[in-house]
Amino acid sequence: MATKENGFLIGVAAERAGMHPQTLRVYERRGLVRPRRTPGNTRLYSESDIRLLRRIQDLSEEGLNLAGIERVLELERRLARAERRVADLRRELDETVAEHRRAIARMRSARGELVRAVRRSTALAPRPLPVMVRVRMRGDG
């Protein structure tokens, strides 16, 4: 029997997943699970593989056929990728907001003047032109 660090042989993996070893072979042929192979071509299933096999078993017990199981697993993988991307974007946004807040705090502590560009049009200049407006910071006299 292979150790937990090396992986589990097909019989042990099947027992842990609650199915027949032949079922694992079918799932492998369908591409649902991809166990690691030894140099002698023996299948070695990881803990992650066994969790996946249990998920497949649950979906099968809920009445899904193999095509449905494949679709559900693919959608679950896509959802997990999207959730990771959202988390990455949230962290990036939080960092940007913090950076902007620090920049604003530095500007306020400098007690200088901010210059804001606004667009105005006149009879002589029908196109909007940028106009500089001086804004006094709080605390300035």
N, C-alpha and C. Protein backbone atom coordinates (compact mmCIF):
# COMPACT_ATOMS: atom_id res chain seq x y z
N MET A 1 0.85 -1.19 0.00
CA MET A 1 0.00 0.00 0.00
C MET A 1 0.88 1.24 0.00
N ALA A 2 0.57 2.19 -0.82
CA ALA A 2 1.34 3.44 -0.87
C ALA A 2 1.01 4.27 0.35
N THR A 3 1.95 5.11 0.72
CA THR A 3 1.73 5.97 1.88
C THR A 3 0.95 7.21 1.47
N LYS A 4 0.47 7.91 2.47
CA LYS A 4 -0.30 9.13 2.24
C LYS A 4 0.53 10.17 1.48
N GLU A 5 1.83 10.22 1.75
CA GLU A 5 2.69 11.19 1.08
C GLU A 5 2.86 10.86 -0.39
N ASN A 6 2.94 9.57 -0.72
CA ASN A 6 3.16 9.13 -2.10
C ASN A 6 1.86 9.02 -2.88
N GLY A 7 0.78 8.78 -2.21
CA GLY A 7 -0.50 8.57 -2.86
C GLY A 7 -1.05 7.20 -2.51
N PHE A 8 -2.28 6.99 -2.93
CA PHE A 8 -2.96 5.73 -2.61
C PHE A 8 -3.14 4.90 -3.87
N LEU A 9 -2.93 3.60 -3.74
CA LEU A 9 -3.18 2.68 -4.84
C LEU A 9 -4.67 2.66 -5.14
N ILE A 10 -5.04 2.17 -6.31
CA ILE A 10 -6.42 2.25 -6.77
C ILE A 10 -7.41 1.57 -5.81
N GLY A 11 -7.03 0.42 -5.24
CA GLY A 11 -7.92 -0.28 -4.32
C GLY A 11 -8.21 0.54 -3.07
N VAL A 12 -7.17 1.13 -2.50
CA VAL A 12 -7.33 1.95 -1.30
C VAL A 12 -8.13 3.21 -1.63
N ALA A 13 -7.79 3.85 -2.77
CA ALA A 13 -8.51 5.06 -3.17
C ALA A 13 -9.99 4.76 -3.39
N ALA A 14 -10.29 3.63 -4.04
CA ALA A 14 -11.68 3.25 -4.29
C ALA A 14 -12.42 3.05 -2.97
N GLU A 15 -11.77 2.37 -2.04
CA GLU A 15 -12.39 2.14 -0.73
C GLU A 15 -12.65 3.44 -0.01
N ARG A 16 -11.66 4.33 -0.02
CA ARG A 16 -11.81 5.63 0.65
C ARG A 16 -12.88 6.49 0.01
N ALA A 17 -13.05 6.35 -1.30
CA ALA A 17 -14.05 7.14 -2.02
C ALA A 17 -15.42 6.46 -2.02
N GLY A 18 -15.46 5.20 -1.58
CA GLY A 18 -16.73 4.49 -1.50
C GLY A 18 -17.23 3.97 -2.83
N MET A 19 -16.33 3.51 -3.68
CA MET A 19 -16.72 2.99 -4.99
C MET A 19 -15.82 1.84 -5.42
N HIS A 20 -16.17 1.19 -6.49
CA HIS A 20 -15.41 0.07 -7.02
C HIS A 20 -14.21 0.59 -7.81
N PRO A 21 -13.06 -0.13 -7.77
CA PRO A 21 -11.89 0.31 -8.54
C PRO A 21 -12.18 0.48 -10.03
N GLN A 22 -13.07 -0.34 -10.58
CA GLN A 22 -13.39 -0.22 -12.01
C GLN A 22 -14.05 1.14 -12.29
N THR A 23 -14.81 1.63 -11.34
CA THR A 23 -15.46 2.94 -11.50
C THR A 23 -14.40 4.03 -11.59
N LEU A 24 -13.34 3.91 -10.81
CA LEU A 24 -12.25 4.89 -10.88
C LEU A 24 -11.60 4.85 -12.27
N ARG A 25 -11.46 3.67 -12.82
CA ARG A 25 -10.87 3.56 -14.17
C ARG A 25 -11.77 4.23 -15.21
N VAL A 26 -13.07 4.04 -15.05
CA VAL A 26 -14.02 4.70 -15.98
C VAL A 26 -13.90 6.21 -15.85
N TYR A 27 -13.86 6.70 -14.63
CA TYR A 27 -13.75 8.16 -14.41
C TYR A 27 -12.44 8.70 -14.99
N GLU A 28 -11.38 7.90 -14.89
CA GLU A 28 -10.11 8.33 -15.46
C GLU A 28 -10.20 8.38 -16.98
N ARG A 29 -10.81 7.36 -17.58
CA ARG A 29 -10.96 7.36 -19.05
C ARG A 29 -11.77 8.56 -19.52
N ARG A 30 -12.76 8.97 -18.74
CA ARG A 30 -13.59 10.13 -19.09
C ARG A 30 -12.89 11.45 -18.80
N GLY A 31 -11.76 11.40 -18.11
CA GLY A 31 -11.02 12.62 -17.80
C GLY A 31 -11.53 13.34 -16.55
N LEU A 32 -12.38 12.68 -15.77
CA LEU A 32 -12.90 13.30 -14.56
C LEU A 32 -11.85 13.37 -13.46
N VAL A 33 -10.96 12.40 -13.44
CA VAL A 33 -9.89 12.37 -12.46
C VAL A 33 -8.61 11.96 -13.18
N ARG A 34 -7.48 12.52 -12.74
CA ARG A 34 -6.19 12.22 -13.38
C ARG A 34 -5.17 11.86 -12.30
N PRO A 35 -5.17 10.58 -11.89
CA PRO A 35 -4.20 10.20 -10.86
C PRO A 35 -2.78 10.26 -11.40
N ARG A 36 -1.87 10.47 -10.48
CA ARG A 36 -0.45 10.45 -10.83
C ARG A 36 -0.06 9.02 -11.17
N ARG A 37 0.96 8.87 -11.98
CA ARG A 37 1.43 7.52 -12.35
C ARG A 37 2.88 7.34 -11.90
N THR A 38 3.18 6.13 -11.45
CA THR A 38 4.56 5.80 -11.08
C THR A 38 5.32 5.46 -12.36
N PRO A 39 6.65 5.35 -12.28
CA PRO A 39 7.41 4.93 -13.47
C PRO A 39 6.93 3.59 -14.01
N GLY A 40 6.37 2.73 -13.16
CA GLY A 40 5.83 1.44 -13.60
C GLY A 40 4.38 1.54 -14.06
N ASN A 41 3.84 2.76 -14.19
CA ASN A 41 2.49 3.05 -14.68
C ASN A 41 1.38 2.70 -13.69
N THR A 42 1.72 2.58 -12.40
CA THR A 42 0.71 2.33 -11.37
C THR A 42 0.04 3.65 -11.01
N ARG A 43 -1.28 3.60 -10.88
CA ARG A 43 -2.03 4.80 -10.50
C ARG A 43 -1.81 5.11 -9.02
N LEU A 44 -1.58 6.39 -8.72
CA LEU A 44 -1.49 6.84 -7.33
C LEU A 44 -2.45 8.02 -7.16
N TYR A 45 -3.40 7.84 -6.27
CA TYR A 45 -4.43 8.85 -6.03
C TYR A 45 -4.06 9.68 -4.80
N SER A 46 -4.19 10.98 -4.93
CA SER A 46 -3.90 11.90 -3.83
C SER A 46 -5.17 12.12 -3.00
N GLU A 47 -5.01 12.80 -1.88
CA GLU A 47 -6.17 13.19 -1.06
C GLU A 47 -7.12 14.05 -1.89
N SER A 48 -6.56 14.93 -2.70
CA SER A 48 -7.37 15.79 -3.56
C SER A 48 -8.17 14.95 -4.56
N ASP A 49 -7.53 13.93 -5.13
CA ASP A 49 -8.24 13.03 -6.05
C ASP A 49 -9.40 12.33 -5.34
N ILE A 50 -9.16 11.91 -4.12
CA ILE A 50 -10.21 11.21 -3.36
C ILE A 50 -11.37 12.15 -3.04
N ARG A 51 -11.06 13.41 -2.70
CA ARG A 51 -12.14 14.39 -2.48
C ARG A 51 -12.95 14.58 -3.76
N LEU A 52 -12.25 14.66 -4.90
CA LEU A 52 -12.94 14.81 -6.18
C LEU A 52 -13.81 13.58 -6.47
N LEU A 53 -13.29 12.39 -6.20
CA LEU A 53 -14.08 11.17 -6.41
C LEU A 53 -15.33 11.16 -5.54
N ARG A 54 -15.21 11.64 -4.32
CA ARG A 54 -16.39 11.72 -3.44
C ARG A 54 -17.40 12.72 -3.99
N ARG A 55 -16.91 13.82 -4.54
CA ARG A 55 -17.81 14.82 -5.15
C ARG A 55 -18.53 14.20 -6.34
N ILE A 56 -17.80 13.47 -7.16
CA ILE A 56 -18.40 12.79 -8.31
C ILE A 56 -19.46 11.80 -7.84
N GLN A 57 -19.14 11.07 -6.79
CA GLN A 57 -20.09 10.10 -6.23
C GLN A 57 -21.35 10.80 -5.75
N ASP A 58 -21.20 11.94 -5.07
CA ASP A 58 -22.36 12.70 -4.59
C ASP A 58 -23.23 13.15 -5.76
N LEU A 59 -22.60 13.67 -6.81
CA LEU A 59 -23.36 14.13 -7.97
C LEU A 59 -24.07 12.97 -8.66
N SER A 60 -23.41 11.83 -8.71
CA SER A 60 -24.02 10.64 -9.31
C SER A 60 -25.24 10.20 -8.50
N GLU A 61 -25.11 10.23 -7.18
CA GLU A 61 -26.22 9.84 -6.31
C GLU A 61 -27.39 10.82 -6.41
N GLU A 62 -27.10 12.06 -6.82
CA GLU A 62 -28.16 13.05 -7.03
C GLU A 62 -28.86 12.86 -8.37
N GLY A 63 -28.37 11.89 -9.18
CA GLY A 63 -29.05 11.57 -10.42
C GLY A 63 -28.38 12.09 -11.68
N LEU A 64 -27.21 12.72 -11.56
CA LEU A 64 -26.54 13.22 -12.76
C LEU A 64 -25.82 12.09 -13.48
N ASN A 65 -25.87 12.13 -14.82
CA ASN A 65 -25.08 11.18 -15.60
C ASN A 65 -23.66 11.74 -15.73
N LEU A 66 -22.76 11.00 -16.38
CA LEU A 66 -21.37 11.43 -16.47
C LEU A 66 -21.21 12.75 -17.22
N ALA A 67 -22.02 12.97 -18.26
CA ALA A 67 -21.94 14.24 -18.99
C ALA A 67 -22.35 15.40 -18.07
N GLY A 68 -23.37 15.20 -17.28
CA GLY A 68 -23.81 16.23 -16.33
C GLY A 68 -22.76 16.48 -15.26
N ILE A 69 -22.15 15.41 -14.78
CA ILE A 69 -21.10 15.54 -13.77
C ILE A 69 -19.92 16.32 -14.34
N GLU A 70 -19.53 16.00 -15.58
CA GLU A 70 -18.44 16.74 -16.22
C GLU A 70 -18.75 18.22 -16.28
N ARG A 71 -19.98 18.54 -16.66
CA ARG A 71 -20.39 19.96 -16.78
C ARG A 71 -20.37 20.65 -15.42
N VAL A 72 -20.92 20.00 -14.41
CA VAL A 72 -20.95 20.58 -13.06
C VAL A 72 -19.52 20.83 -12.56
N LEU A 73 -18.64 19.85 -12.74
CA LEU A 73 -17.26 20.00 -12.27
C LEU A 73 -16.56 21.15 -12.99
N GLU A 74 -16.80 21.27 -14.30
CA GLU A 74 -16.19 22.37 -15.06
C GLU A 74 -16.72 23.71 -14.56
N LEU A 75 -18.02 23.80 -14.33
CA LEU A 75 -18.60 25.04 -13.82
C LEU A 75 -18.07 25.37 -12.42
N GLU A 76 -17.88 24.35 -11.60
CA GLU A 76 -17.32 24.58 -10.27
C GLU A 76 -15.89 25.09 -10.37
N ARG A 77 -15.10 24.54 -11.30
CA ARG A 77 -13.72 25.03 -11.50
C ARG A 77 -13.72 26.48 -11.97
N ARG A 78 -14.61 26.79 -12.91
CA ARG A 78 -14.69 28.17 -13.41
C ARG A 78 -15.12 29.12 -12.31
N LEU A 79 -16.07 28.72 -11.48
CA LEU A 79 -16.52 29.56 -10.38
C LEU A 79 -15.37 29.79 -9.39
N ALA A 80 -14.63 28.75 -9.08
CA ALA A 80 -13.50 28.89 -8.15
C ALA A 80 -12.46 29.87 -8.71
N ARG A 81 -12.17 29.77 -10.03
CA ARG A 81 -11.23 30.72 -10.66
C ARG A 81 -11.77 32.14 -10.58
N ALA A 82 -13.06 32.31 -10.85
CA ALA A 82 -13.67 33.64 -10.81
C ALA A 82 -13.63 34.20 -9.39
N GLU A 83 -13.88 33.37 -8.40
CA GLU A 83 -13.84 33.84 -7.00
C GLU A 83 -12.42 34.25 -6.62
N ARG A 84 -11.42 33.49 -7.09
CA ARG A 84 -10.02 33.89 -6.81
C ARG A 84 -9.70 35.22 -7.49
N ARG A 85 -10.19 35.41 -8.71
CA ARG A 85 -9.95 36.66 -9.44
C ARG A 85 -10.61 37.83 -8.73
N VAL A 86 -11.83 37.64 -8.25
CA VAL A 86 -12.52 38.70 -7.51
C VAL A 86 -11.75 39.05 -6.24
N ALA A 87 -11.26 38.04 -5.55
CA ALA A 87 -10.47 38.30 -4.33
C ALA A 87 -9.20 39.07 -4.66
N ASP A 88 -8.53 38.70 -5.76
CA ASP A 88 -7.33 39.42 -6.19
C ASP A 88 -7.66 40.87 -6.52
N LEU A 89 -8.75 41.09 -7.24
CA LEU A 89 -9.15 42.45 -7.60
C LEU A 89 -9.54 43.25 -6.37
N ARG A 90 -10.18 42.61 -5.39
CA ARG A 90 -10.56 43.29 -4.15
C ARG A 90 -9.31 43.75 -3.42
N ARG A 91 -8.29 42.87 -3.34
CA ARG A 91 -7.04 43.25 -2.68
C ARG A 91 -6.38 44.41 -3.42
N GLU A 92 -6.36 44.34 -4.75
CA GLU A 92 -5.77 45.40 -5.56
C GLU A 92 -6.51 46.73 -5.35
N LEU A 93 -7.83 46.66 -5.32
CA LEU A 93 -8.62 47.87 -5.07
C LEU A 93 -8.34 48.44 -3.69
N ASP A 94 -8.30 47.58 -2.69
CA ASP A 94 -8.02 48.04 -1.32
C ASP A 94 -6.65 48.71 -1.24
N GLU A 95 -5.66 48.14 -1.93
CA GLU A 95 -4.31 48.73 -1.93
C GLU A 95 -4.32 50.08 -2.63
N THR A 96 -5.05 50.20 -3.74
CA THR A 96 -5.12 51.47 -4.47
C THR A 96 -5.82 52.53 -3.65
N VAL A 97 -6.92 52.17 -3.00
CA VAL A 97 -7.63 53.12 -2.15
C VAL A 97 -6.73 53.58 -1.02
N ALA A 98 -6.03 52.67 -0.38
CA ALA A 98 -5.12 53.04 0.71
C ALA A 98 -4.02 53.96 0.20
N GLU A 99 -3.48 53.67 -0.97
CA GLU A 99 -2.44 54.51 -1.56
C GLU A 99 -2.97 55.92 -1.84
N HIS A 100 -4.17 56.01 -2.37
CA HIS A 100 -4.77 57.33 -2.64
C HIS A 100 -5.04 58.09 -1.35
N ARG A 101 -5.50 57.38 -0.33
CA ARG A 101 -5.75 58.05 0.96
C ARG A 101 -4.45 58.60 1.55
N ARG A 102 -3.37 57.82 1.41
CA ARG A 102 -2.07 58.32 1.90
C ARG A 102 -1.63 59.54 1.11
N ALA A 103 -1.84 59.54 -0.19
CA ALA A 103 -1.47 60.69 -1.03
C ALA A 103 -2.28 61.91 -0.65
N ILE A 104 -3.56 61.74 -0.40
CA ILE A 104 -4.41 62.86 0.01
C ILE A 104 -3.95 63.39 1.36
N ALA A 105 -3.63 62.49 2.27
CA ALA A 105 -3.16 62.92 3.59
C ALA A 105 -1.85 63.71 3.46
N ARG A 106 -0.95 63.27 2.59
CA ARG A 106 0.30 64.01 2.38
C ARG A 106 0.01 65.40 1.83
N MET A 107 -0.91 65.50 0.88
CA MET A 107 -1.25 66.80 0.32
C MET A 107 -1.86 67.72 1.37
N ARG A 108 -2.72 67.16 2.19
CA ARG A 108 -3.36 67.99 3.23
C ARG A 108 -2.34 68.46 4.25
N SER A 109 -1.40 67.60 4.57
CA SER A 109 -0.41 67.99 5.57
C SER A 109 0.55 69.04 5.02
N ALA A 110 0.67 69.14 3.70
CA ALA A 110 1.55 70.14 3.10
C ALA A 110 0.91 71.53 3.17
N ARG A 111 -0.36 71.61 3.41
CA ARG A 111 -1.10 72.88 3.52
C ARG A 111 -0.88 73.78 2.32
N GLY A 112 -0.80 73.19 1.19
CA GLY A 112 -0.63 73.97 -0.03
C GLY A 112 -1.96 74.20 -0.70
N GLU A 113 -1.89 74.61 -1.94
CA GLU A 113 -3.10 74.82 -2.71
C GLU A 113 -3.22 73.70 -3.74
N LEU A 114 -4.42 73.21 -3.87
CA LEU A 114 -4.70 72.26 -4.93
C LEU A 114 -5.23 73.05 -6.12
N VAL A 115 -4.87 72.66 -7.28
CA VAL A 115 -5.38 73.31 -8.48
C VAL A 115 -6.22 72.28 -9.22
N ARG A 116 -7.47 72.64 -9.45
CA ARG A 116 -8.40 71.75 -10.12
C ARG A 116 -8.71 72.32 -11.49
N ALA A 117 -8.69 71.48 -12.50
CA ALA A 117 -9.02 71.92 -13.84
C ALA A 117 -10.51 71.70 -14.06
N VAL A 118 -11.20 72.77 -14.49
CA VAL A 118 -12.62 72.66 -14.82
C VAL A 118 -12.80 73.13 -16.25
N ARG A 119 -13.84 72.71 -16.88
CA ARG A 119 -14.08 73.11 -18.27
C ARG A 119 -15.19 74.17 -18.28
N ARG A 120 -14.89 75.27 -18.96
CA ARG A 120 -15.87 76.35 -19.09
C ARG A 120 -15.88 76.80 -20.54
N SER A 121 -16.99 77.29 -20.99
CA SER A 121 -17.04 77.86 -22.33
C SER A 121 -17.50 79.31 -22.21
N THR A 122 -17.05 80.13 -23.15
CA THR A 122 -17.45 81.54 -23.20
C THR A 122 -17.89 81.84 -24.62
N ALA A 123 -18.42 83.08 -24.82
CA ALA A 123 -18.84 83.48 -26.17
C ALA A 123 -17.64 83.54 -27.09
N LEU A 124 -16.46 83.87 -26.55
CA LEU A 124 -15.27 83.97 -27.37
C LEU A 124 -14.62 82.61 -27.61
N ALA A 125 -14.86 81.70 -26.73
CA ALA A 125 -14.26 80.37 -26.84
C ALA A 125 -15.37 79.34 -26.69
N PRO A 126 -16.06 79.01 -27.79
CA PRO A 126 -17.19 78.10 -27.68
C PRO A 126 -16.82 76.69 -27.25
N ARG A 127 -15.60 76.27 -27.57
CA ARG A 127 -15.18 74.95 -27.12
C ARG A 127 -14.82 75.01 -25.64
N PRO A 128 -15.15 74.00 -24.91
CA PRO A 128 -14.75 74.00 -23.49
C PRO A 128 -13.24 74.03 -23.36
N LEU A 129 -12.75 74.94 -22.58
CA LEU A 129 -11.31 75.04 -22.32
C LEU A 129 -11.06 74.78 -20.84
N PRO A 130 -9.96 74.16 -20.52
CA PRO A 130 -9.67 73.95 -19.10
C PRO A 130 -9.36 75.28 -18.42
N VAL A 131 -9.90 75.47 -17.24
CA VAL A 131 -9.65 76.67 -16.44
C VAL A 131 -9.11 76.20 -15.10
N MET A 132 -8.06 76.84 -14.63
CA MET A 132 -7.48 76.45 -13.35
C MET A 132 -8.18 77.22 -12.24
N VAL A 133 -8.61 76.52 -11.24
CA VAL A 133 -9.27 77.12 -10.09
C VAL A 133 -8.47 76.78 -8.87
N ARG A 134 -8.12 77.80 -8.08
CA ARG A 134 -7.36 77.55 -6.86
C ARG A 134 -8.32 77.19 -5.72
N VAL A 135 -7.96 76.18 -5.03
CA VAL A 135 -8.77 75.73 -3.91
C VAL A 135 -7.90 75.76 -2.67
N ARG A 136 -8.33 76.48 -1.67
CA ARG A 136 -7.58 76.57 -0.42
C ARG A 136 -7.87 75.32 0.41
N MET A 137 -6.82 74.81 1.02
CA MET A 137 -6.97 73.64 1.87
C MET A 137 -7.49 74.08 3.22
N ARG A 138 -8.17 73.19 3.90
CA ARG A 138 -8.65 73.51 5.25
C ARG A 138 -7.44 73.82 6.13
N GLY A 139 -7.62 74.78 6.97
CA GLY A 139 -6.54 75.15 7.89
C GLY A 139 -5.71 76.30 7.36
N ASP A 140 -5.87 76.64 6.06
CA ASP A 140 -5.13 77.78 5.50
C ASP A 140 -5.84 79.06 5.88
N GLY A 141 -5.09 80.08 6.09
CA GLY A 141 -5.68 81.34 6.52
C GLY A 141 -6.07 82.25 5.44
